[in-house]
Every structure is written in structure tokens, then in C-alpha cells.
Amino acid sequence: MLEESAEPRALRGAHLTSLMREDLELFGVVELEERIELLRTEIGRTEAQLTRKRAGREAADALFKLNKD
């Protein structure tokens, strides 16, 4: 059976890099406002994930610190 070749995965952050290169001059006021709202939502999602990761790291650090004593 022949397998289809998998397409290469985009590098992490590639979509963000692509967004940063877009010519904003081509967007209207409403489109720019919508873009800003979407970016703010993504920032909130990213900050929430960062908080979860830090909490997990702190819990792991605390656990290993207890085992050293």
C-alpha cells in the first residue's frame, strides 16, 4: 500500500511571522479593529498558557526541593 507523503509542518511561530509581514496599508479601519481584537484574544490565551506552565514548573520545583531535604 502506498503512503501519501506528509506535508512538512510549519515551524512554530511561522504564522505569527507571516502576520507581522502583512501590509497593513491594505486593511480598512474595521478590519484593523477586528485584527486588534483577535490579537488581544490571542495574547490572553497565550498569557493563560504561560501562567499554567509556570504553575506546573513551580509545583515540580517544590516537589523536587522537598525530596532534597
N, C-alpha and C. Protein backbone atom coordinates (compact mmCIF):
# COMPACT_ATOMS: atom_id res chain seq x y z
N MET A 1 0.84 -1.17 0.00
CA MET A 1 0.00 0.00 0.00
C MET A 1 0.89 1.24 0.00
N LEU A 2 0.60 2.17 -0.86
CA LEU A 2 1.38 3.39 -0.95
C LEU A 2 0.91 4.40 0.08
N GLU A 3 1.86 5.01 0.73
CA GLU A 3 1.53 6.04 1.70
C GLU A 3 1.70 7.40 1.06
N GLU A 4 0.78 8.29 1.39
CA GLU A 4 0.92 9.65 0.90
C GLU A 4 2.01 10.35 1.70
N SER A 5 2.80 11.15 1.01
CA SER A 5 3.85 11.86 1.73
C SER A 5 3.23 12.96 2.57
N ALA A 6 3.69 13.06 3.78
CA ALA A 6 3.20 14.10 4.69
C ALA A 6 3.80 15.43 4.30
N GLU A 7 2.97 16.45 4.35
CA GLU A 7 3.49 17.79 4.07
C GLU A 7 4.31 18.26 5.26
N PRO A 8 5.36 19.00 5.01
CA PRO A 8 6.18 19.47 6.14
C PRO A 8 5.37 20.39 7.05
N ARG A 9 5.60 20.23 8.34
CA ARG A 9 4.91 21.07 9.31
C ARG A 9 5.51 22.47 9.30
N ALA A 10 4.67 23.45 9.51
CA ALA A 10 5.16 24.82 9.62
C ALA A 10 5.94 24.96 10.93
N LEU A 11 6.96 25.74 10.90
CA LEU A 11 7.75 25.98 12.09
C LEU A 11 6.91 26.73 13.13
N ARG A 12 7.21 26.48 14.39
CA ARG A 12 6.50 27.20 15.45
C ARG A 12 6.66 28.70 15.25
N GLY A 13 5.56 29.40 15.34
CA GLY A 13 5.60 30.85 15.20
C GLY A 13 5.59 31.33 13.76
N ALA A 14 5.55 30.41 12.79
CA ALA A 14 5.60 30.81 11.38
C ALA A 14 4.37 31.64 11.01
N HIS A 15 3.22 31.28 11.57
CA HIS A 15 2.01 32.04 11.25
C HIS A 15 2.11 33.46 11.80
N LEU A 16 2.66 33.59 12.99
CA LEU A 16 2.83 34.90 13.58
C LEU A 16 3.79 35.75 12.74
N THR A 17 4.86 35.13 12.31
CA THR A 17 5.82 35.83 11.46
C THR A 17 5.16 36.29 10.18
N SER A 18 4.31 35.44 9.63
CA SER A 18 3.58 35.78 8.40
C SER A 18 2.67 36.98 8.64
N LEU A 19 1.97 36.98 9.79
CA LEU A 19 1.10 38.11 10.13
C LEU A 19 1.88 39.41 10.25
N MET A 20 3.05 39.31 10.83
CA MET A 20 3.87 40.51 11.04
C MET A 20 4.33 41.12 9.73
N ARG A 21 4.38 40.32 8.69
CA ARG A 21 4.86 40.81 7.39
C ARG A 21 3.75 41.33 6.49
N GLU A 22 2.50 41.16 6.92
CA GLU A 22 1.39 41.63 6.10
C GLU A 22 1.42 43.15 5.98
N ASP A 23 1.03 43.64 4.82
CA ASP A 23 0.97 45.08 4.58
C ASP A 23 -0.33 45.61 5.18
N LEU A 24 -0.25 46.28 6.30
CA LEU A 24 -1.44 46.78 6.99
C LEU A 24 -2.10 47.92 6.23
N GLU A 25 -1.40 48.49 5.31
CA GLU A 25 -1.95 49.58 4.50
C GLU A 25 -3.15 49.10 3.67
N LEU A 26 -3.20 47.80 3.42
CA LEU A 26 -4.27 47.23 2.59
C LEU A 26 -5.57 47.01 3.38
N PHE A 27 -5.54 47.14 4.71
CA PHE A 27 -6.69 46.89 5.56
C PHE A 27 -7.48 48.17 5.79
N GLY A 28 -8.79 48.02 5.92
CA GLY A 28 -9.65 49.14 6.29
C GLY A 28 -9.69 49.27 7.81
N VAL A 29 -10.36 50.34 8.27
CA VAL A 29 -10.44 50.62 9.69
C VAL A 29 -11.10 49.47 10.44
N VAL A 30 -12.24 48.99 9.96
CA VAL A 30 -12.95 47.90 10.62
C VAL A 30 -12.09 46.65 10.65
N GLU A 31 -11.41 46.36 9.56
CA GLU A 31 -10.55 45.17 9.52
C GLU A 31 -9.40 45.29 10.51
N LEU A 32 -8.84 46.48 10.65
CA LEU A 32 -7.76 46.68 11.61
C LEU A 32 -8.27 46.53 13.04
N GLU A 33 -9.47 47.05 13.31
CA GLU A 33 -10.06 46.90 14.65
C GLU A 33 -10.31 45.42 14.96
N GLU A 34 -10.81 44.67 13.99
CA GLU A 34 -11.05 43.24 14.18
C GLU A 34 -9.73 42.51 14.42
N ARG A 35 -8.73 42.89 13.68
CA ARG A 35 -7.41 42.27 13.82
C ARG A 35 -6.86 42.50 15.23
N ILE A 36 -6.99 43.73 15.71
CA ILE A 36 -6.51 44.06 17.05
C ILE A 36 -7.25 43.22 18.09
N GLU A 37 -8.55 43.08 17.95
CA GLU A 37 -9.33 42.29 18.90
C GLU A 37 -8.89 40.83 18.88
N LEU A 38 -8.66 40.29 17.70
CA LEU A 38 -8.18 38.90 17.60
C LEU A 38 -6.81 38.74 18.24
N LEU A 39 -5.95 39.71 18.02
CA LEU A 39 -4.61 39.64 18.61
C LEU A 39 -4.67 39.76 20.13
N ARG A 40 -5.55 40.61 20.65
CA ARG A 40 -5.72 40.72 22.10
C ARG A 40 -6.23 39.40 22.69
N THR A 41 -7.15 38.77 21.99
CA THR A 41 -7.65 37.47 22.44
C THR A 41 -6.53 36.45 22.46
N GLU A 42 -5.69 36.45 21.44
CA GLU A 42 -4.57 35.52 21.37
C GLU A 42 -3.55 35.81 22.47
N ILE A 43 -3.33 37.07 22.76
CA ILE A 43 -2.42 37.43 23.85
C ILE A 43 -2.95 36.88 25.17
N GLY A 44 -4.25 37.03 25.41
CA GLY A 44 -4.86 36.49 26.63
C GLY A 44 -4.71 34.99 26.72
N ARG A 45 -4.93 34.30 25.62
CA ARG A 45 -4.79 32.84 25.58
C ARG A 45 -3.35 32.43 25.85
N THR A 46 -2.42 33.18 25.29
CA THR A 46 -1.00 32.88 25.47
C THR A 46 -0.57 33.14 26.91
N GLU A 47 -1.06 34.23 27.49
CA GLU A 47 -0.74 34.54 28.89
C GLU A 47 -1.31 33.48 29.84
N ALA A 48 -2.51 32.99 29.54
CA ALA A 48 -3.11 31.95 30.37
C ALA A 48 -2.28 30.67 30.31
N GLN A 49 -1.81 30.32 29.14
CA GLN A 49 -0.97 29.13 28.99
C GLN A 49 0.35 29.31 29.73
N LEU A 50 0.92 30.48 29.64
CA LEU A 50 2.17 30.77 30.34
C LEU A 50 1.98 30.65 31.85
N THR A 51 0.86 31.14 32.36
CA THR A 51 0.54 31.01 33.79
C THR A 51 0.45 29.55 34.19
N ARG A 52 -0.23 28.73 33.38
CA ARG A 52 -0.35 27.29 33.67
C ARG A 52 1.02 26.62 33.65
N LYS A 53 1.85 26.98 32.69
CA LYS A 53 3.19 26.38 32.60
C LYS A 53 4.04 26.76 33.80
N ARG A 54 3.97 28.01 34.20
CA ARG A 54 4.75 28.46 35.36
C ARG A 54 4.29 27.77 36.63
N ALA A 55 2.97 27.60 36.77
CA ALA A 55 2.43 26.93 37.96
C ALA A 55 2.90 25.48 38.00
N GLY A 56 2.90 24.82 36.86
CA GLY A 56 3.39 23.44 36.80
C GLY A 56 4.87 23.36 37.13
N ARG A 57 5.62 24.30 36.64
CA ARG A 57 7.06 24.33 36.92
C ARG A 57 7.32 24.57 38.40
N GLU A 58 6.57 25.50 38.99
CA GLU A 58 6.73 25.79 40.42
C GLU A 58 6.37 24.58 41.26
N ALA A 59 5.32 23.86 40.86
CA ALA A 59 4.92 22.65 41.59
C ALA A 59 6.01 21.59 41.50
N ALA A 60 6.58 21.42 40.33
CA ALA A 60 7.65 20.43 40.15
C ALA A 60 8.88 20.84 40.95
N ASP A 61 9.23 22.12 40.91
CA ASP A 61 10.38 22.61 41.68
C ASP A 61 10.17 22.37 43.18
N ALA A 62 8.96 22.64 43.66
CA ALA A 62 8.65 22.45 45.07
C ALA A 62 8.75 20.96 45.45
N LEU A 63 8.28 20.09 44.59
CA LEU A 63 8.32 18.65 44.84
C LEU A 63 9.77 18.16 44.92
N PHE A 64 10.58 18.58 43.97
CA PHE A 64 11.97 18.14 43.98
C PHE A 64 12.77 18.77 45.12
N LYS A 65 12.40 19.97 45.51
CA LYS A 65 13.07 20.61 46.64
C LYS A 65 12.76 19.84 47.93
N LEU A 66 11.51 19.37 48.09
CA LEU A 66 11.14 18.59 49.27
C LEU A 66 11.92 17.28 49.31
N ASN A 67 12.19 16.67 48.17
CA ASN A 67 12.90 15.40 48.12
C ASN A 67 14.39 15.57 48.44
N LYS A 68 14.93 16.77 48.29
CA LYS A 68 16.35 17.00 48.58
C LYS A 68 16.61 17.16 50.06
N ASP A 69 15.60 17.62 50.80
CA ASP A 69 15.79 17.88 52.24
C ASP A 69 15.79 16.62 53.06
